[in-house]
Amino acid sequence: MPRRRVAAAPEPGNAPARRPRRAAPNAAAEPELVIITGLSGSGKGSMLKAFEDLGYYSVDNLPVELIPKFAELTRDSSKFQSAALVVDIREGGGLDRFPAVFAQIRDTVKARLIFVEAEDSAILRRFSETRRPHPLGTNRSIPRSIQRERAQLKKIRSMADLIVNTSKFTVHELREFIGERFRGQGEESKIMVYVTSFGFRNGVPPDSDLVFDVRFLPNPNYIPKFKHLTGKNPAVAQYIRSFQQTVEFTSRISDLLIYLLPHYISEGKSYLTIAFGCTGGHHRSVMMADEIARNLAKAGYHAKVTHRDIG
């Protein structure tokens, strides 16, 4: 198979674009084929590039009929043993045959299926930014196209070994996540943890997986010199930290999360959002989110902190 780079990704129905192989991946004792599928606008192209950077021979928009042959090459070729390909809605009616084809190739080669998705709002924003039409055509709105695509891919999604929701990933974070997960590093690097602070008066963040209420901690808002500061201020943070219940809560929650995260990883969860709430989202929740994120980082996890209501 030639190793020529095609300048632009093909339009639906055209020949697939092939990406040249780079340095050999680290794992690779046995041949491996990674198949990427999922929703349009969810980041499948960025994920494919991440695999290319790991040394996987990468192919975009490969027709379903050619997947068994490609799997055979992956298994038998001395030139490349690890490969990644994208197959998605651009395949049209041929995508209906994919479940049977995937079951067939799993009998001949180590194959993993990754399903990439994102929230509707994230996909809509990305289509708006790129101004590209949805692959299902322009005779319906993009929201309706997204819903139709979700329905069409429902069966394939249920077959996935890994489901990655990219709503919160930047391109850099997605590449980092794939790089670390498929380099065979420790369990800690296989999940992105988002730690956020918020104020209950503004509502609980709807995307939270775990929510902790820290309104039982002493409130700096009632101390005049702290009222207009935030939990990021060292003096405010030290005040909150000076109480025994803060120390014990921080320790217990850190231990709980460090216990839970490997179990979430084993279930295939790619990211976790942990929310800490106080009344206004300025003091206690901010300090606690920063503290917990630091403890998770010390334990080897990637923890990204946001403060929703700090402003």
C-alpha atoms as a PDB file:
ATOM      1  CA  MET A   1       0.000   0.000   0.000  1.00  0.00           C
ATOM      2  CA  PRO A   2       1.581   3.357  -0.999  1.00  0.00           C
ATOM      3  CA  ARG A   3       2.549   5.887   1.612  1.00  0.00           C
ATOM      4  CA  ARG A   4       1.500   9.071  -0.091  1.00  0.00           C
ATOM      5  CA  ARG A   5      -0.111  11.921   1.784  1.00  0.00           C
ATOM      6  CA  VAL A   6      -3.191  13.358   0.156  1.00  0.00           C
ATOM      7  CA  ALA A   7      -3.440  17.073   0.752  1.00  0.00           C
ATOM      8  CA  ALA A   8      -7.136  17.171   1.591  1.00  0.00           C
ATOM      9  CA  ALA A   9      -9.566  14.685   3.076  1.00  0.00           C
ATOM     10  CA  PRO A  10     -11.779  13.157   0.379  1.00  0.00           C
ATOM     11  CA  GLU A  11     -15.382  13.997  -0.166  1.00  0.00           C
ATOM     12  CA  PRO A  12     -17.894  11.201   0.521  1.00  0.00           C
ATOM     13  CA  GLY A  13     -17.619   8.499  -2.106  1.00  0.00           C
ATOM     14  CA  ASN A  14     -14.055   9.374  -3.169  1.00  0.00           C
ATOM     15  CA  ALA A  15     -10.938   7.331  -2.466  1.00  0.00           C
ATOM     16  CA  PRO A  16      -9.692   7.462   1.123  1.00  0.00           C
ATOM     17  CA  ALA A  17      -6.832   9.715   2.137  1.00  0.00           C
ATOM     18  CA  ARG A  18      -3.825   7.755   3.386  1.00  0.00           C
ATOM     19  CA  ARG A  19      -1.484   9.132   6.032  1.00  0.00           C
ATOM     20  CA  PRO A  20       2.162   7.990   6.112  1.00  0.00           C
ATOM     21  CA  ARG A  21       3.431   5.964   9.000  1.00  0.00           C
ATOM     22  CA  ARG A  22       5.839   7.577  11.445  1.00  0.00           C
ATOM     23  CA  ALA A  23       7.811   6.031  14.279  1.00  0.00           C
ATOM     24  CA  ALA A  24       6.669   2.601  15.421  1.00  0.00           C
ATOM     25  CA  PRO A  25       4.242   2.571  18.357  1.00  0.00           C
ATOM     26  CA  ASN A  26       5.456   1.416  21.715  1.00  0.00           C
ATOM     27  CA  ALA A  27       3.063  -1.474  22.311  1.00  0.00           C
ATOM     28  CA  ALA A  28       2.822  -3.512  19.184  1.00  0.00           C
ATOM     29  CA  ALA A  29       3.699  -7.025  20.255  1.00  0.00           C
ATOM     30  CA  GLU A  30       0.750  -8.269  18.214  1.00  0.00           C
ATOM     31  CA  PRO A  31      -0.918  -6.588  15.237  1.00  0.00           C
ATOM     32  CA  GLU A  32      -3.605  -4.101  16.192  1.00  0.00           C
ATOM     33  CA  LEU A  33      -6.309  -2.384  14.176  1.00  0.00           C
ATOM     34  CA  VAL A  34      -8.161   0.572  15.680  1.00  0.00           C
ATOM     35  CA  ILE A  35     -11.382   1.588  13.956  1.00  0.00           C
ATOM     36  CA  ILE A  36     -12.692   5.079  14.708  1.00  0.00           C
ATOM     37  CA  THR A  37     -16.309   5.943  14.077  1.00  0.00           C
ATOM     38  CA  GLY A  38     -18.900   8.280  15.539  1.00  0.00           C
ATOM     39  CA  LEU A  39     -20.716  11.530  14.987  1.00  0.00           C
ATOM     40  CA  SER A  40     -19.796  14.125  12.405  1.00  0.00           C
ATOM     41  CA  GLY A  41     -18.093  17.070  14.092  1.00  0.00           C
ATOM     42  CA  SER A  42     -17.049  15.026  17.114  1.00  0.00           C
ATOM     43  CA  GLY A  43     -13.313  15.052  16.366  1.00  0.00           C
ATOM     44  CA  LYS A  44     -12.657  11.798  14.512  1.00  0.00           C
ATOM     45  CA  GLY A  45     -10.110  13.509  12.256  1.00  0.00           C
ATOM     46  CA  SER A  46      -8.158  14.876  15.206  1.00  0.00           C
ATOM     47  CA  MET A  47      -8.195  11.464  16.817  1.00  0.00           C
ATOM     48  CA  LEU A  48      -6.880   9.838  13.640  1.00  0.00           C
ATOM     49  CA  LYS A  49      -3.998  12.322  13.578  1.00  0.00           C
ATOM     50  CA  ALA A  50      -3.216  11.415  17.180  1.00  0.00           C
ATOM     51  CA  PHE A  51      -2.905   7.763  16.181  1.00  0.00           C
ATOM     52  CA  GLU A  52      -0.727   8.748  13.243  1.00  0.00           C
ATOM     53  CA  ASP A  53       1.589  10.547  15.652  1.00  0.00           C
ATOM     54  CA  LEU A  54       1.848   7.299  17.613  1.00  0.00           C
ATOM     55  CA  GLY A  55       3.039   5.504  14.486  1.00  0.00           C
ATOM     56  CA  TYR A  56      -0.227   3.902  13.419  1.00  0.00           C
ATOM     57  CA  TYR A  57      -0.694   3.596   9.650  1.00  0.00           C
ATOM     58  CA  SER A  58      -3.763   5.815   9.259  1.00  0.00           C
ATOM     59  CA  VAL A  59      -6.525   5.820   6.667  1.00  0.00           C
ATOM     60  CA  ASP A  60      -9.546   8.113   6.518  1.00  0.00           C
ATOM     61  CA  ASN A  61     -12.908   7.162   4.990  1.00  0.00           C
ATOM     62  CA  LEU A  62     -12.074   3.582   4.042  1.00  0.00           C
ATOM     63  CA  PRO A  63     -15.009   1.808   2.336  1.00  0.00           C
ATOM     64  CA  VAL A  64     -16.529  -0.912   4.507  1.00  0.00           C
ATOM     65  CA  GLU A  65     -15.913  -3.536   1.812  1.00  0.00           C
ATOM     66  CA  LEU A  66     -12.157  -2.937   2.065  1.00  0.00           C
ATOM     67  CA  ILE A  67     -11.901  -3.235   5.851  1.00  0.00           C
ATOM     68  CA  PRO A  68     -11.361  -7.046   5.874  1.00  0.00           C
ATOM     69  CA  LYS A  69      -8.543  -6.701   3.341  1.00  0.00           C
ATOM     70  CA  PHE A  70      -7.012  -3.873   5.339  1.00  0.00           C
ATOM     71  CA  ALA A  71      -7.220  -5.999   8.506  1.00  0.00           C
ATOM     72  CA  GLU A  72      -5.460  -8.797   6.641  1.00  0.00           C
ATOM     73  CA  LEU A  73      -2.657  -6.426   5.669  1.00  0.00           C
ATOM     74  CA  THR A  74      -2.388  -5.264   9.272  1.00  0.00           C
ATOM     75  CA  ARG A  75      -2.015  -8.849  10.422  1.00  0.00           C
ATOM     76  CA  ASP A  76       0.427 -10.037   7.761  1.00  0.00           C
ATOM     77  CA  SER A  77       2.410  -6.993   6.647  1.00  0.00           C
ATOM     78  CA  SER A  78       5.983  -6.582   7.817  1.00  0.00           C
ATOM     79  CA  LYS A  79       5.750  -2.879   6.998  1.00  0.00           C
ATOM     80  CA  PHE A  80       3.067  -1.943   9.488  1.00  0.00           C
ATOM     81  CA  GLN A  81       1.443  -3.895  12.284  1.00  0.00           C
ATOM     82  CA  SER A  82      -0.565  -1.154  13.947  1.00  0.00           C
ATOM     83  CA  ALA A  83      -3.147   0.734  11.949  1.00  0.00           C
ATOM     84  CA  ALA A  84      -6.064   3.084  12.495  1.00  0.00           C
ATOM     85  CA  LEU A  85      -8.914   3.936  10.167  1.00  0.00           C
ATOM     86  CA  VAL A  86     -12.047   6.041  10.169  1.00  0.00           C
ATOM     87  CA  VAL A  87     -15.379   4.798   8.881  1.00  0.00           C
ATOM     88  CA  ASP A  88     -18.465   6.935   9.364  1.00  0.00           C
ATOM     89  CA  ILE A  89     -21.722   8.257   7.942  1.00  0.00           C
ATOM     90  CA  ARG A  90     -19.965   9.315   4.725  1.00  0.00           C
ATOM     91  CA  GLU A  91     -20.085   5.628   3.809  1.00  0.00           C
ATOM     92  CA  GLY A  92     -23.825   5.952   3.222  1.00  0.00           C
ATOM     93  CA  GLY A  93     -25.825   2.740   2.993  1.00  0.00           C
ATOM     94  CA  GLY A  94     -22.661   0.652   3.187  1.00  0.00           C
ATOM     95  CA  LEU A  95     -22.421   1.483   6.891  1.00  0.00           C
ATOM     96  CA  ASP A  96     -25.249  -0.986   7.551  1.00  0.00           C
ATOM     97  CA  ARG A  97     -22.812  -3.796   6.782  1.00  0.00           C
ATOM     98  CA  PHE A  98     -20.205  -2.594   9.253  1.00  0.00           C
ATOM     99  CA  PRO A  99     -21.400  -4.540  12.357  1.00  0.00           C
ATOM    100  CA  ALA A 100     -21.074  -7.846  10.507  1.00  0.00           C
ATOM    101  CA  VAL A 101     -17.724  -6.856   8.995  1.00  0.00           C
ATOM    102  CA  PHE A 102     -16.347  -5.810  12.369  1.00  0.00           C
ATOM    103  CA  ALA A 103     -17.427  -9.091  13.968  1.00  0.00           C
ATOM    104  CA  GLN A 104     -15.681 -10.929  11.121  1.00  0.00           C
ATOM    105  CA  ILE A 105     -12.332  -9.152  11.411  1.00  0.00           C
ATOM    106  CA  ARG A 106     -12.250  -9.581  15.199  1.00  0.00           C
ATOM    107  CA  ASP A 107     -11.760 -13.288  14.540  1.00  0.00           C
ATOM    108  CA  THR A 108      -8.575 -12.609  12.583  1.00  0.00           C
ATOM    109  CA  VAL A 109      -6.846  -9.617  14.188  1.00  0.00           C
ATOM    110  CA  LYS A 110      -6.817  -7.671  17.440  1.00  0.00           C
ATOM    111  CA  ALA A 111      -9.328  -4.926  16.672  1.00  0.00           C
ATOM    112  CA  ARG A 112     -10.731  -2.149  18.827  1.00  0.00           C
ATOM    113  CA  LEU A 113     -13.666   0.075  18.016  1.00  0.00           C
ATOM    114  CA  ILE A 114     -13.712   3.664  19.275  1.00  0.00           C
ATOM    115  CA  PHE A 115     -16.937   5.638  19.083  1.00  0.00           C
ATOM    116  CA  VAL A 116     -16.448   9.414  19.179  1.00  0.00           C
ATOM    117  CA  GLU A 117     -19.319  11.680  20.132  1.00  0.00           C
ATOM    118  CA  ALA A 118     -20.073  15.090  21.632  1.00  0.00           C
ATOM    119  CA  GLU A 119     -23.016  17.014  22.997  1.00  0.00           C
ATOM    120  CA  ASP A 120     -25.329  18.586  20.406  1.00  0.00           C
ATOM    121  CA  SER A 121     -24.301  22.086  21.500  1.00  0.00           C
ATOM    122  CA  ALA A 122     -20.603  21.321  20.920  1.00  0.00           C
ATOM    123  CA  ILE A 123     -21.246  19.806  17.487  1.00  0.00           C
ATOM    124  CA  LEU A 124     -23.432  22.749  16.467  1.00  0.00           C
ATOM    125  CA  ARG A 125     -20.715  25.182  17.532  1.00  0.00           C
ATOM    126  CA  ARG A 126     -18.081  23.317  15.530  1.00  0.00           C
ATOM    127  CA  PHE A 127     -20.220  23.247  12.388  1.00  0.00           C
ATOM    128  CA  SER A 128     -20.894  26.954  12.859  1.00  0.00           C
ATOM    129  CA  GLU A 129     -17.182  27.689  13.205  1.00  0.00           C
ATOM    130  CA  THR A 130     -16.135  25.655  10.160  1.00  0.00           C
ATOM    131  CA  ARG A 131     -19.234  26.527   8.082  1.00  0.00           C
ATOM    132  CA  ARG A 132     -19.158  23.063   6.574  1.00  0.00           C
ATOM    133  CA  PRO A 133     -22.387  21.246   5.666  1.00  0.00           C
ATOM    134  CA  HIS A 134     -23.401  18.131   7.538  1.00  0.00           C
ATOM    135  CA  PRO A 135     -22.571  14.928   5.605  1.00  0.00           C
ATOM    136  CA  LEU A 136     -26.248  13.945   5.637  1.00  0.00           C
ATOM    137  CA  GLY A 137     -26.983  16.867   3.337  1.00  0.00           C
ATOM    138  CA  THR A 138     -28.447  20.356   3.369  1.00  0.00           C
ATOM    139  CA  ASN A 139     -32.113  19.451   2.961  1.00  0.00           C
ATOM    140  CA  ARG A 140     -32.576  19.458   6.743  1.00  0.00           C
ATOM    141  CA  SER A 141     -31.245  21.539   9.619  1.00  0.00           C
ATOM    142  CA  ILE A 142     -28.014  20.539  11.343  1.00  0.00           C
ATOM    143  CA  PRO A 143     -29.819  19.733  14.639  1.00  0.00           C
ATOM    144  CA  ARG A 144     -32.124  17.341  12.784  1.00  0.00           C
ATOM    145  CA  SER A 145     -29.149  15.833  10.948  1.00  0.00           C
ATOM    146  CA  ILE A 146     -27.377  15.241  14.254  1.00  0.00           C
ATOM    147  CA  GLN A 147     -30.403  13.435  15.668  1.00  0.00           C
ATOM    148  CA  ARG A 148     -30.757  11.301  12.561  1.00  0.00           C
ATOM    149  CA  GLU A 149     -27.057  10.426  12.643  1.00  0.00           C
ATOM    150  CA  ARG A 150     -27.284   9.430  16.319  1.00  0.00           C
ATOM    151  CA  ALA A 151     -30.158   7.081  15.463  1.00  0.00           C
ATOM    152  CA  GLN A 152     -28.311   5.541  12.515  1.00  0.00           C
ATOM    153  CA  LEU A 153     -25.170   4.923  14.565  1.00  0.00           C
ATOM    154  CA  LYS A 154     -26.924   3.595  17.673  1.00  0.00           C
ATOM    155  CA  LYS A 155     -26.166  -0.065  16.934  1.00  0.00           C
ATOM    156  CA  ILE A 156     -22.516   0.624  16.122  1.00  0.00           C
ATOM    157  CA  ARG A 157     -22.161   2.669  19.316  1.00  0.00           C
ATOM    158  CA  SER A 158     -23.346  -0.301  21.357  1.00  0.00           C
ATOM    159  CA  MET A 159     -20.452  -2.358  19.945  1.00  0.00           C
ATOM    160  CA  ALA A 160     -17.720   0.111  20.898  1.00  0.00           C
ATOM    161  CA  ASP A 161     -14.838  -0.854  23.153  1.00  0.00           C
ATOM    162  CA  LEU A 162     -14.337   2.796  24.068  1.00  0.00           C
ATOM    163  CA  ILE A 163     -16.740   5.739  23.862  1.00  0.00           C
ATOM    164  CA  VAL A 164     -15.085   9.161  23.935  1.00  0.00           C
ATOM    165  CA  ASN A 165     -17.160  12.290  24.460  1.00  0.00           C
ATOM    166  CA  THR A 166     -15.074  15.187  23.145  1.00  0.00           C
ATOM    167  CA  SER A 167     -17.371  18.028  24.243  1.00  0.00           C
ATOM    168  CA  LYS A 168     -14.832  19.318  26.755  1.00  0.00           C
ATOM    169  CA  PHE A 169     -11.645  18.247  25.025  1.00  0.00           C
ATOM    170  CA  THR A 170      -9.483  20.756  23.257  1.00  0.00           C
ATOM    171  CA  VAL A 171      -7.621  19.311  20.265  1.00  0.00           C
ATOM    172  CA  HIS A 172      -4.475  19.198  22.386  1.00  0.00           C
ATOM    173  CA  GLU A 173      -6.213  17.374  25.242  1.00  0.00           C
ATOM    174  CA  LEU A 174      -7.740  14.835  22.866  1.00  0.00           C
ATOM    175  CA  ARG A 175      -4.367  14.053  21.320  1.00  0.00           C
ATOM    176  CA  GLU A 176      -2.814  13.798  24.780  1.00  0.00           C
ATOM    177  CA  PHE A 177      -5.576  11.457  25.946  1.00  0.00           C
ATOM    178  CA  ILE A 178      -5.181   9.120  22.964  1.00  0.00           C
ATOM    179  CA  GLY A 179      -1.405   9.251  23.161  1.00  0.00           C
ATOM    180  CA  GLU A 180      -1.281   8.249  26.779  1.00  0.00           C
ATOM    181  CA  ARG A 181      -4.065   5.666  26.614  1.00  0.00           C
ATOM    182  CA  PHE A 182      -2.537   3.820  23.672  1.00  0.00           C
ATOM    183  CA  ARG A 183       1.096   4.048  24.706  1.00  0.00           C
ATOM    184  CA  GLY A 184       0.346   1.549  27.454  1.00  0.00           C
ATOM    185  CA  GLN A 185       1.102   3.903  30.334  1.00  0.00           C
ATOM    186  CA  GLY A 186      -0.426   3.720  33.802  1.00  0.00           C
ATOM    187  CA  GLU A 187      -4.128   3.704  34.551  1.00  0.00           C
ATOM    188  CA  GLU A 188      -3.922   7.249  35.882  1.00  0.00           C
ATOM    189  CA  SER A 189      -3.375   8.695  32.413  1.00  0.00           C
ATOM    190  CA  LYS A 190      -6.445   7.035  30.930  1.00  0.00           C
ATOM    191  CA  ILE A 191      -9.029   9.537  32.122  1.00  0.00           C
ATOM    192  CA  MET A 192      -9.386  13.300  32.053  1.00  0.00           C
ATOM    193  CA  VAL A 193     -10.761  14.760  35.288  1.00  0.00           C
ATOM    194  CA  TYR A 194     -12.543  18.100  35.218  1.00  0.00           C
ATOM    195  CA  VAL A 195     -12.914  19.752  38.624  1.00  0.00           C
ATOM    196  CA  THR A 196     -15.232  22.747  38.741  1.00  0.00           C
ATOM    197  CA  SER A 197     -16.562  25.112  41.384  1.00  0.00           C
ATOM    198  CA  PHE A 198     -20.023  26.657  41.252  1.00  0.00           C
ATOM    199  CA  GLY A 199     -22.628  28.501  43.296  1.00  0.00           C
ATOM    200  CA  PHE A 200     -25.899  26.749  44.119  1.00  0.00           C
ATOM    201  CA  ARG A 201     -27.757  30.031  43.664  1.00  0.00           C
ATOM    202  CA  ASN A 202     -26.904  29.756  39.941  1.00  0.00           C
ATOM    203  CA  GLY A 203     -27.820  26.081  39.624  1.00  0.00           C
ATOM    204  CA  VAL A 204     -25.850  22.846  39.523  1.00  0.00           C
ATOM    205  CA  PRO A 205     -23.707  22.378  36.378  1.00  0.00           C
ATOM    206  CA  PRO A 206     -25.777  20.004  34.210  1.00  0.00           C
ATOM    207  CA  ASP A 207     -22.770  17.990  33.024  1.00  0.00           C
ATOM    208  CA  SER A 208     -21.577  17.081  36.525  1.00  0.00           C
ATOM    209  CA  ASP A 209     -20.901  13.413  37.238  1.00  0.00           C
ATOM    210  CA  LEU A 210     -20.250  13.917  40.959  1.00  0.00           C
ATOM    211  CA  VAL A 211     -21.488  16.882  43.027  1.00  0.00           C
ATOM    212  CA  PHE A 212     -20.241  17.781  46.507  1.00  0.00           C
ATOM    213  CA  ASP A 213     -21.908  20.426  48.661  1.00  0.00           C
ATOM    214  CA  VAL A 214     -19.344  22.391  50.720  1.00  0.00           C
ATOM    215  CA  ARG A 215     -21.790  24.867  52.236  1.00  0.00           C
ATOM    216  CA  PHE A 216     -21.174  23.242  55.631  1.00  0.00           C
ATOM    217  CA  LEU A 217     -17.712  24.839  55.735  1.00  0.00           C
ATOM    218  CA  PRO A 218     -17.254  28.259  57.456  1.00  0.00           C
ATOM    219  CA  ASN A 219     -18.119  31.027  55.015  1.00  0.00           C
ATOM    220  CA  PRO A 220     -15.475  33.755  54.391  1.00  0.00           C
ATOM    221  CA  ASN A 221     -18.185  35.913  52.856  1.00  0.00           C
ATOM    222  CA  TYR A 222     -19.162  37.056  56.345  1.00  0.00           C
ATOM    223  CA  ILE A 223     -15.671  38.342  57.104  1.00  0.00           C
ATOM    224  CA  PRO A 224     -15.371  41.909  55.704  1.00  0.00           C
ATOM    225  CA  LYS A 225     -11.758  41.623  54.538  1.00  0.00           C
ATOM    226  CA  PHE A 226     -12.554  38.426  52.611  1.00  0.00           C
ATOM    227  CA  LYS A 227     -15.976  39.341  51.210  1.00  0.00           C
ATOM    228  CA  HIS A 228     -14.762  40.717  47.879  1.00  0.00           C
ATOM    229  CA  LEU A 229     -11.938  38.199  47.429  1.00  0.00           C
ATOM    230  CA  THR A 230     -12.180  34.605  46.184  1.00  0.00           C
ATOM    231  CA  GLY A 231     -11.007  31.194  47.285  1.00  0.00           C
ATOM    232  CA  LYS A 232      -7.935  31.604  45.088  1.00  0.00           C
ATOM    233  CA  ASN A 233      -6.614  34.251  47.447  1.00  0.00           C
ATOM    234  CA  PRO A 234      -4.010  32.636  49.766  1.00  0.00           C
ATOM    235  CA  ALA A 235      -5.436  34.300  52.887  1.00  0.00           C
ATOM    236  CA  VAL A 236      -8.974  33.170  52.088  1.00  0.00           C
ATOM    237  CA  ALA A 237      -7.807  29.649  51.263  1.00  0.00           C
ATOM    238  CA  GLN A 238      -5.815  29.493  54.509  1.00  0.00           C
ATOM    239  CA  TYR A 239      -8.845  30.649  56.506  1.00  0.00           C
ATOM    240  CA  ILE A 240     -11.034  27.891  55.061  1.00  0.00           C
ATOM    241  CA  ARG A 241      -8.246  25.354  55.470  1.00  0.00           C
ATOM    242  CA  SER A 242      -7.763  26.278  59.143  1.00  0.00           C
ATOM    243  CA  PHE A 243     -10.902  24.383  60.218  1.00  0.00           C
ATOM    244  CA  GLN A 244     -10.749  20.700  61.114  1.00  0.00           C
ATOM    245  CA  GLN A 245     -13.810  19.827  59.049  1.00  0.00           C
ATOM    246  CA  THR A 246     -12.092  21.257  55.955  1.00  0.00           C
ATOM    247  CA  VAL A 247      -8.984  19.152  56.520  1.00  0.00           C
ATOM    248  CA  GLU A 248     -10.979  15.991  57.114  1.00  0.00           C
ATOM    249  CA  PHE A 249     -13.357  16.581  54.193  1.00  0.00           C
ATOM    250  CA  THR A 250     -10.454  17.236  51.807  1.00  0.00           C
ATOM    251  CA  SER A 251      -8.697  14.059  52.906  1.00  0.00           C
ATOM    252  CA  ARG A 252     -11.792  11.869  52.726  1.00  0.00           C
ATOM    253  CA  ILE A 253     -12.914  13.147  49.310  1.00  0.00           C
ATOM    254  CA  SER A 254      -9.423  12.825  47.858  1.00  0.00           C
ATOM    255  CA  ASP A 255      -9.189   9.239  49.071  1.00  0.00           C
ATOM    256  CA  LEU A 256     -12.662   8.475  47.720  1.00  0.00           C
ATOM    257  CA  LEU A 257     -11.882   9.833  44.268  1.00  0.00           C
ATOM    258  CA  ILE A 258      -8.516   8.084  44.061  1.00  0.00           C
ATOM    259  CA  TYR A 259     -10.359   4.866  44.924  1.00  0.00           C
ATOM    260  CA  LEU A 260     -13.153   5.475  42.384  1.00  0.00           C
ATOM    261  CA  LEU A 261     -11.172   6.612  39.342  1.00  0.00           C
ATOM    262  CA  PRO A 262      -9.628   3.212  38.454  1.00  0.00           C
ATOM    263  CA  HIS A 263     -13.134   1.722  38.506  1.00  0.00           C
ATOM    264  CA  TYR A 264     -14.435   4.422  36.162  1.00  0.00           C
ATOM    265  CA  ILE A 265     -11.463   3.729  33.894  1.00  0.00           C
ATOM    266  CA  SER A 266     -12.184  -0.001  33.841  1.00  0.00           C
ATOM    267  CA  GLU A 267     -15.729   0.813  32.697  1.00  0.00           C
ATOM    268  CA  GLY A 268     -14.312   2.750  29.749  1.00  0.00           C
ATOM    269  CA  LYS A 269     -15.085   6.259  31.012  1.00  0.00           C
ATOM    270  CA  SER A 270     -12.796   8.753  29.307  1.00  0.00           C
ATOM    271  CA  TYR A 271     -13.532  11.803  31.442  1.00  0.00           C
ATOM    272  CA  LEU A 272     -15.164  12.658  34.739  1.00  0.00           C
ATOM    273  CA  THR A 273     -16.601  15.991  35.891  1.00  0.00           C
ATOM    274  CA  ILE A 274     -16.491  16.650  39.647  1.00  0.00           C
ATOM    275  CA  ALA A 275     -18.319  19.723  40.919  1.00  0.00           C
ATOM    276  CA  PHE A 276     -17.965  21.476  44.270  1.00  0.00           C
ATOM    277  CA  GLY A 277     -20.702  23.927  45.204  1.00  0.00           C
ATOM    278  CA  CYS A 278     -21.095  26.624  47.804  1.00  0.00           C
ATOM    279  CA  THR A 279     -23.659  29.422  48.009  1.00  0.00           C
ATOM    280  CA  GLY A 280     -22.209  31.911  45.535  1.00  0.00           C
ATOM    281  CA  GLY A 281     -19.330  29.992  43.984  1.00  0.00           C
ATOM    282  CA  HIS A 282     -16.700  32.533  45.086  1.00  0.00           C
ATOM    283  CA  HIS A 283     -14.932  31.211  48.178  1.00  0.00           C
ATOM    284  CA  ARG A 284     -15.355  27.703  49.613  1.00  0.00           C
ATOM    285  CA  SER A 285     -16.056  25.812  46.386  1.00  0.00           C
ATOM    286  CA  VAL A 286     -13.177  27.579  44.617  1.00  0.00           C
ATOM    287  CA  MET A 287     -10.687  26.705  47.339  1.00  0.00           C
ATOM    288  CA  MET A 288     -11.916  23.097  47.489  1.00  0.00           C
ATOM    289  CA  ALA A 289     -11.815  22.577  43.711  1.00  0.00           C
ATOM    290  CA  ASP A 290      -8.217  23.798  43.598  1.00  0.00           C
ATOM    291  CA  GLU A 291      -7.248  21.622  46.568  1.00  0.00           C
ATOM    292  CA  ILE A 292      -8.819  18.437  45.219  1.00  0.00           C
ATOM    293  CA  ALA A 293      -7.326  18.998  41.760  1.00  0.00           C
ATOM    294  CA  ARG A 294      -3.861  19.301  43.301  1.00  0.00           C
ATOM    295  CA  ASN A 295      -4.341  16.076  45.242  1.00  0.00           C
ATOM    296  CA  LEU A 296      -5.492  14.221  42.119  1.00  0.00           C
ATOM    297  CA  ALA A 297      -2.513  15.551  40.189  1.00  0.00           C
ATOM    298  CA  LYS A 298      -0.187  14.264  42.913  1.00  0.00           C
ATOM    299  CA  ALA A 299      -1.822  10.851  42.481  1.00  0.00           C
ATOM    300  CA  GLY A 300      -0.969  10.928  38.781  1.00  0.00           C
ATOM    301  CA  TYR A 301      -4.287  11.990  37.259  1.00  0.00           C
ATOM    302  CA  HIS A 302      -4.841  14.779  34.754  1.00  0.00           C
ATOM    303  CA  ALA A 303      -7.065  17.272  36.543  1.00  0.00           C
ATOM    304  CA  LYS A 304      -8.264  20.466  34.877  1.00  0.00           C
ATOM    305  CA  VAL A 305      -9.867  23.130  37.069  1.00  0.00           C
ATOM    306  CA  THR A 306     -12.569  25.624  36.113  1.00  0.00           C
ATOM    307  CA  HIS A 307     -14.470  28.080  38.300  1.00  0.00           C
ATOM    308  CA  ARG A 308     -17.864  28.693  36.765  1.00  0.00           C
ATOM    309  CA  ASP A 309     -19.149  31.465  39.026  1.00  0.00           C
ATOM    310  CA  ILE A 310     -15.960  33.068  40.295  1.00  0.00           C
ATOM    311  CA  GLY A 311     -16.642  36.221  38.290  1.00  0.00           C
END
